């Protein structure tokens, strides 16, 4: 049961990011309490517990200081705007706390430029990540060890979730609340907030590269959904039904928009995610295959070799040899 969520805010937090997240989680709390008698404690925190302001000057009145949070089930890092370099230095107390939460396996979601906080803490080193398109070049330059994916709305690796925009952030919240609370609460969020919000931000991320550099909003919606639900058993028929489209039309429009078939795109997401597991976990090849949605480990191994030129065992061995051979900082 989801009992506690920590919302972190700093100066120059985006008011829309903070307000939307808080509203969505309060809605989830009320429904969870109605269903199970247990509300969600939502705590808005700043580094020192003192009030600050959003990027546009709105007052942020926190519930407590960061150090006052002893236990939590989910952490949300809100998007920020403006010059982030000085801002990151001022949040120094946040980074050991993030590393501690991550070590405990607590999910941490970074909304858009909130990814800067995860990167500054060193948690995104050698991991996939995304951020708001406006800051992608700066983010990549500031954190060269991070695998910045300019073609992704959502990245999910090791319980670290990053979004490229606000609607992608809500998609992550739907997924996490469904997992940590229950599917009914997650579904209610999706139908109450996500559908209408997507209508209001149509075309938000059309400046992204490669397979998201198109303006077919329905296909963008499915791509974004797949980026967080890639491990689920899903058919082309189910994908098409999510956007009220015939299978034939869906296949044609997906191919026209992305250059890939729907299942080919899903396969690409699963293989990429498998690589993340190989880098950052000790899961066996079979466990990795199951974690990304394949019941046949041999099939996944063949797909992996076709993509990266080596089977899983050889790729992982070479990767770990490279990591161990890399010079260490003194």
Protein backbone atom coordinates (compact mmCIF):
# COMPACT_ATOMS: atom_id res chain seq x y z
CA UNK A 1 0.00 0.00 0.00
CA UNK A 2 1.27 3.47 -0.87
CA UNK A 3 1.51 5.32 2.44
CA UNK A 4 3.99 8.17 1.93
CA UNK A 5 5.17 10.33 -0.96
CA UNK A 6 7.93 12.93 -0.75
CA UNK A 7 7.70 15.87 -3.14
CA UNK A 8 10.95 17.84 -3.36
CA UNK A 9 10.91 21.51 -4.35
CA UNK A 10 13.65 24.09 -4.63
CA UNK A 11 13.73 27.69 -5.72
CA UNK A 12 12.85 28.02 -9.42
CA UNK A 13 10.66 24.93 -9.29
CA UNK A 14 8.08 24.97 -12.06
CA UNK A 15 4.74 25.73 -10.42
CA UNK A 16 2.82 23.68 -13.00
CA UNK A 17 5.00 20.64 -12.33
CA UNK A 18 4.60 20.90 -8.56
CA UNK A 19 0.89 21.77 -8.56
CA UNK A 20 -0.09 19.12 -11.05
CA UNK A 21 1.80 16.37 -9.24
CA UNK A 22 0.34 17.40 -5.89
CA UNK A 23 -3.22 17.49 -7.28
CA UNK A 24 -2.86 14.08 -8.93
CA UNK A 25 -1.50 12.48 -5.76
CA UNK A 26 -4.16 14.11 -3.55
CA UNK A 27 -6.78 12.63 -5.89
CA UNK A 28 -5.04 9.23 -5.53
CA UNK A 29 -4.94 9.60 -1.75
CA UNK A 30 -8.65 10.35 -1.49
CA UNK A 31 -9.55 7.36 -3.66
CA UNK A 32 -7.18 5.02 -1.84
CA UNK A 33 -8.66 6.10 1.49
CA UNK A 34 -12.18 5.49 0.14
CA UNK A 35 -11.23 2.01 -1.07
CA UNK A 36 -8.97 0.83 1.75
CA UNK A 37 -9.28 3.34 4.58
CA UNK A 38 -5.63 4.40 4.20
CA UNK A 39 -4.76 7.85 2.78
CA UNK A 40 -1.40 8.77 1.27
CA UNK A 41 0.72 11.16 3.33
CA UNK A 42 1.99 13.73 0.81
CA UNK A 43 4.86 15.80 2.14
CA UNK A 44 6.23 18.79 0.24
CA UNK A 45 9.81 19.41 1.35
CA UNK A 46 12.62 21.88 0.75
CA UNK A 47 16.24 21.52 1.81
CA UNK A 48 15.84 23.51 5.03
CA UNK A 49 12.07 23.48 5.47
CA UNK A 50 11.89 27.19 4.71
CA UNK A 51 9.49 28.72 2.16
CA UNK A 52 10.80 29.49 -1.30
CA UNK A 53 9.31 30.54 -4.64
CA UNK A 54 8.63 28.95 -7.99
CA UNK A 55 10.26 30.13 -11.21
CA UNK A 56 7.36 32.56 -11.72
CA UNK A 57 7.41 33.83 -8.14
CA UNK A 58 4.60 31.79 -6.56
CA UNK A 59 5.14 30.96 -2.90
CA UNK A 60 6.14 27.40 -1.97
CA UNK A 61 5.23 26.58 1.64
CA UNK A 62 6.81 23.23 2.54
CA UNK A 63 5.51 20.80 5.12
CA UNK A 64 8.95 20.13 6.52
CA UNK A 65 12.68 19.97 5.80
CA UNK A 66 14.29 17.21 3.77
CA UNK A 67 16.02 15.82 6.86
CA UNK A 68 12.67 15.34 8.59
CA UNK A 69 11.67 12.59 6.16
CA UNK A 70 12.69 9.29 7.71
CA UNK A 71 10.69 6.83 5.60
CA UNK A 72 8.91 7.21 2.27
CA UNK A 73 7.54 5.02 -0.50
CA UNK A 74 8.02 7.34 -3.49
CA UNK A 75 10.07 10.45 -4.22
CA UNK A 76 9.23 13.07 -6.84
CA UNK A 77 11.76 15.67 -7.99
CA UNK A 78 9.97 18.57 -9.61
CA UNK A 79 11.06 20.31 -12.77
CA UNK A 80 13.05 23.53 -12.44
CA UNK A 81 13.75 26.37 -14.82
CA UNK A 82 16.36 29.03 -15.43
CA UNK A 83 20.05 28.71 -14.60
CA UNK A 84 20.46 25.31 -12.97
CA UNK A 85 24.20 25.40 -12.25
CA UNK A 86 24.06 27.55 -9.10
CA UNK A 87 20.81 25.91 -8.07
CA UNK A 88 22.40 22.44 -8.06
CA UNK A 89 25.17 23.58 -5.72
CA UNK A 90 22.59 24.91 -3.26
CA UNK A 91 20.88 21.51 -3.01
CA UNK A 92 23.98 19.64 -1.79
CA UNK A 93 22.12 18.02 1.11
CA UNK A 94 19.69 16.39 -1.33
CA UNK A 95 22.21 14.15 -3.09
CA UNK A 96 23.24 11.80 -0.25
CA UNK A 97 19.55 11.47 0.61
CA UNK A 98 18.77 10.46 -2.99
CA UNK A 99 21.60 7.92 -2.95
CA UNK A 100 20.27 6.51 0.33
CA UNK A 101 16.72 6.19 -1.02
CA UNK A 102 18.00 4.60 -4.21
CA UNK A 103 20.01 2.05 -2.25
CA UNK A 104 16.81 1.14 -0.42
CA UNK A 105 15.03 0.52 -3.72
CA UNK A 106 12.59 3.41 -3.32
CA UNK A 107 11.28 4.67 -6.69
CA UNK A 108 12.46 8.17 -7.57
CA UNK A 109 10.75 10.10 -10.34
CA UNK A 110 12.35 13.16 -11.93
CA UNK A 111 9.91 15.37 -13.81
CA UNK A 112 11.63 16.88 -16.88
CA UNK A 113 14.57 18.98 -15.62
CA UNK A 114 14.30 17.31 -12.22
CA UNK A 115 16.69 14.81 -13.85
CA UNK A 116 19.49 17.29 -13.06
CA UNK A 117 19.18 16.38 -9.38
CA UNK A 118 19.53 12.66 -10.08
CA UNK A 119 22.51 13.29 -12.35
CA UNK A 120 24.20 15.57 -9.81
CA UNK A 121 23.83 12.79 -7.24
CA UNK A 122 25.69 10.46 -9.62
CA UNK A 123 22.73 8.11 -9.90
CA UNK A 124 22.39 8.42 -13.68
CA UNK A 125 26.02 7.64 -14.52
CA UNK A 126 26.08 5.10 -17.37
CA UNK A 127 22.28 4.94 -17.33
CA UNK A 128 19.62 5.98 -19.82
CA UNK A 129 17.96 9.29 -19.05
CA UNK A 130 15.88 11.98 -20.64
CA UNK A 131 14.95 15.56 -19.75
CA UNK A 132 13.06 18.47 -21.23
CA UNK A 133 14.04 19.06 -24.87
CA UNK A 134 15.01 22.66 -24.11
CA UNK A 135 17.77 21.48 -21.75
CA UNK A 136 18.95 18.28 -23.45
CA UNK A 137 22.14 19.73 -24.94
CA UNK A 138 23.13 21.43 -21.67
CA UNK A 139 22.27 18.31 -19.69
CA UNK A 140 24.42 16.10 -21.91
CA UNK A 141 27.34 18.53 -21.70
CA UNK A 142 27.03 18.89 -17.92
CA UNK A 143 26.85 15.13 -17.30
CA UNK A 144 28.89 13.31 -19.97
CA UNK A 145 28.59 9.99 -18.15
CA UNK A 146 24.82 9.96 -18.61
CA UNK A 147 23.30 8.24 -21.65
CA UNK A 148 20.96 11.08 -22.64
CA UNK A 149 18.18 9.71 -24.84
CA UNK A 150 16.83 12.60 -26.88
CA UNK A 151 14.36 10.25 -28.60
CA UNK A 152 12.60 9.11 -25.43
CA UNK A 153 9.71 10.60 -23.48
CA UNK A 154 10.33 8.29 -20.53
CA UNK A 155 13.30 6.33 -19.24
CA UNK A 156 13.06 3.80 -16.44
CA UNK A 157 16.17 2.18 -15.05
CA UNK A 158 16.84 0.83 -11.57
CA UNK A 159 13.76 2.51 -10.02
CA UNK A 160 14.89 5.86 -11.46
CA UNK A 161 12.24 7.36 -13.70
CA UNK A 162 12.78 10.41 -15.91
CA UNK A 163 10.31 12.22 -18.13
CA UNK A 164 10.78 14.64 -21.01
CA UNK A 165 7.61 16.59 -20.26
CA UNK A 166 4.68 16.96 -17.90
CA UNK A 167 2.31 14.54 -19.57
CA UNK A 168 5.06 11.91 -19.64
CA UNK A 169 5.52 12.59 -15.93
CA UNK A 170 1.85 11.87 -15.27
CA UNK A 171 2.22 8.63 -17.25
CA UNK A 172 4.97 7.61 -14.81
CA UNK A 173 2.81 8.52 -11.82
CA UNK A 174 -0.06 6.43 -13.20
CA UNK A 175 2.31 3.48 -13.55
CA UNK A 176 3.86 3.88 -10.09
CA UNK A 177 0.56 4.44 -8.28
CA UNK A 178 -0.91 1.41 -10.03
CA UNK A 179 2.03 -0.62 -8.76
CA UNK A 180 2.38 0.84 -5.26
CA UNK A 181 -1.30 1.41 -4.47
CA UNK A 182 -3.59 -0.53 -6.79
CA UNK A 183 -4.60 -0.70 -10.43
CA UNK A 184 -7.98 0.90 -9.74
CA UNK A 185 -6.42 4.06 -8.34
CA UNK A 186 -3.92 4.25 -11.21
CA UNK A 187 -6.68 3.78 -13.77
CA UNK A 188 -8.75 6.54 -12.16
CA UNK A 189 -5.80 8.95 -12.42
CA UNK A 190 -5.31 8.05 -16.06
CA UNK A 191 -8.94 8.65 -17.00
CA UNK A 192 -9.35 11.76 -14.84
CA UNK A 193 -6.11 13.60 -15.57
CA UNK A 194 -3.97 12.04 -18.28
CA UNK A 195 -6.40 11.92 -21.20
CA UNK A 196 -7.55 15.53 -20.87
CA UNK A 197 -4.05 16.78 -20.11
CA UNK A 198 -2.69 15.20 -23.28
CA UNK A 199 -5.34 17.02 -25.27
CA UNK A 200 -4.12 20.28 -23.78
CA UNK A 201 -0.45 19.74 -24.61
CA UNK A 202 -0.81 18.31 -28.10
CA UNK A 203 2.50 18.35 -29.92
CA UNK A 204 4.50 19.22 -26.80
CA UNK A 205 7.45 16.99 -27.66
CA UNK A 206 7.52 17.14 -31.46
CA UNK A 207 11.00 18.69 -31.35
CA UNK A 208 12.55 15.40 -30.26
CA UNK A 209 14.73 13.42 -32.61
CA UNK A 210 14.49 10.17 -34.58
CA UNK A 211 11.31 8.20 -33.90
CA UNK A 212 9.56 10.97 -31.98
CA UNK A 213 10.25 13.65 -34.60
CA UNK A 214 6.76 13.57 -36.02
CA UNK A 215 3.42 15.17 -35.25
CA UNK A 216 1.06 12.21 -35.07
CA UNK A 217 -0.22 12.78 -31.55
CA UNK A 218 -2.01 9.43 -31.26
CA UNK A 219 1.17 7.54 -32.17
CA UNK A 220 3.19 9.69 -29.77
CA UNK A 221 0.73 8.70 -27.06
CA UNK A 222 1.33 5.00 -27.69
CA UNK A 223 5.11 5.43 -27.86
CA UNK A 224 5.07 7.17 -24.50
CA UNK A 225 2.85 4.47 -22.98
CA UNK A 226 5.11 1.70 -24.27
CA UNK A 227 8.19 3.34 -22.75
CA UNK A 228 6.84 2.62 -19.27
CA UNK A 229 4.77 -0.53 -19.98
CA UNK A 230 7.25 -2.35 -22.26
CA UNK A 231 7.45 -5.41 -20.00
CA UNK A 232 3.73 -6.12 -20.13
CA UNK A 233 2.12 -8.60 -22.47
CA UNK A 234 0.63 -6.31 -25.10
CA UNK A 235 -0.65 -6.93 -28.63
CA UNK A 236 -0.97 -4.62 -31.60
CA UNK A 237 -4.74 -4.93 -31.24
CA UNK A 238 -4.53 -3.64 -27.66
CA UNK A 239 -2.23 -0.78 -28.70
CA UNK A 240 -4.67 0.28 -31.41
CA UNK A 241 -7.62 0.04 -29.03
CA UNK A 242 -5.95 2.44 -26.57
CA UNK A 243 -6.28 5.21 -29.15
CA UNK A 244 -9.56 4.02 -30.69
CA UNK A 245 -7.98 3.12 -34.02
CA UNK A 246 -8.38 0.11 -36.30
CA UNK A 247 -5.42 -2.26 -36.35
CA UNK A 248 -4.81 -1.67 -40.04
CA UNK A 249 -4.78 2.12 -39.67
CA UNK A 250 -2.67 1.91 -36.52
CA UNK A 251 0.01 -0.22 -38.17
CA UNK A 252 0.19 2.11 -41.16
CA UNK A 253 0.34 5.30 -39.12
CA UNK A 254 2.88 3.86 -36.65
CA UNK A 255 5.16 2.82 -39.52
CA UNK A 256 4.73 6.17 -41.29
CA UNK A 257 5.50 8.10 -38.11
CA UNK A 258 8.39 6.11 -36.67
CA UNK A 259 9.81 3.98 -39.48
CA UNK A 260 9.22 0.93 -37.28
CA UNK A 261 6.39 -1.53 -36.86
CA UNK A 262 4.66 -1.38 -33.46
CA UNK A 263 6.14 -4.73 -32.40
CA UNK A 264 9.53 -3.74 -33.76
CA UNK A 265 9.44 -0.61 -31.64
CA UNK A 266 8.40 -2.61 -28.57
CA UNK A 267 11.24 -5.04 -29.24
CA UNK A 268 13.69 -2.14 -29.41
CA UNK A 269 12.52 -0.82 -26.04
CA UNK A 270 12.82 -4.25 -24.43
CA UNK A 271 16.33 -4.90 -25.75
CA UNK A 272 17.49 -1.45 -24.61
CA UNK A 273 16.02 -2.05 -21.16
CA UNK A 274 17.64 -5.47 -21.04
CA UNK A 275 20.99 -3.80 -21.57
CA UNK A 276 20.31 -1.57 -18.55
CA UNK A 277 19.64 -4.63 -16.39
CA UNK A 278 22.85 -6.26 -17.60
CA UNK A 279 24.84 -3.16 -16.69
CA UNK A 280 23.33 -2.43 -13.30
CA UNK A 281 22.11 -5.72 -11.84
CA UNK A 282 23.24 -9.27 -11.31
CA UNK A 283 20.12 -10.74 -12.87
CA UNK A 284 20.76 -13.87 -14.91
CA UNK A 285 20.06 -13.87 -18.65
CA UNK A 286 16.79 -15.67 -17.97
CA UNK A 287 15.77 -13.15 -15.31
CA UNK A 288 16.59 -10.23 -17.60
CA UNK A 289 14.49 -11.72 -20.39
CA UNK A 290 11.52 -12.21 -18.06
CA UNK A 291 11.94 -8.69 -16.59
CA UNK A 292 11.60 -7.05 -19.99
CA UNK A 293 8.64 -9.13 -21.12
CA UNK A 294 10.03 -12.24 -22.86
CA UNK A 295 9.05 -15.71 -21.70
CA UNK A 296 11.65 -17.31 -23.98
CA UNK A 297 15.18 -16.29 -22.86
CA UNK A 298 16.69 -17.82 -26.00
CA UNK A 299 14.58 -15.58 -28.21
CA UNK A 300 15.63 -12.52 -26.21
CA UNK A 301 19.30 -13.55 -26.44
CA UNK A 302 19.03 -13.78 -30.22
CA UNK A 303 17.39 -10.35 -30.43
CA UNK A 304 20.09 -8.91 -28.18
CA UNK A 305 22.88 -10.35 -30.32
CA UNK A 306 21.24 -9.03 -33.47
CA UNK A 307 21.13 -5.55 -31.93
CA UNK A 308 24.50 -5.35 -30.16
CA UNK A 309 26.58 -7.92 -32.03
CA UNK A 310 27.22 -10.14 -29.01
CA UNK A 311 25.15 -12.53 -26.94
CA UNK A 312 24.18 -11.53 -23.43
CA UNK A 313 27.00 -13.32 -21.62
CA UNK A 314 29.76 -11.92 -23.84
CA UNK A 315 28.29 -8.40 -23.81
CA UNK A 316 28.08 -8.35 -20.01
CA UNK A 317 31.62 -9.72 -19.67
CA UNK A 318 33.05 -7.10 -22.03
CA UNK A 319 31.11 -4.34 -20.31
CA UNK A 320 32.36 -5.27 -16.85
CA UNK A 321 35.91 -5.60 -18.11
CA UNK A 322 35.68 -2.07 -19.54
CA UNK A 323 34.29 -0.72 -16.27
CA UNK A 324 37.02 -2.37 -14.20
CA UNK A 325 39.71 -1.17 -16.60
CA UNK A 326 38.52 2.44 -16.53
CA UNK A 327 40.78 4.79 -14.50
CA UNK A 328 39.38 5.62 -11.09
CA UNK A 329 39.21 9.12 -9.65
CA UNK A 330 41.68 9.75 -6.91
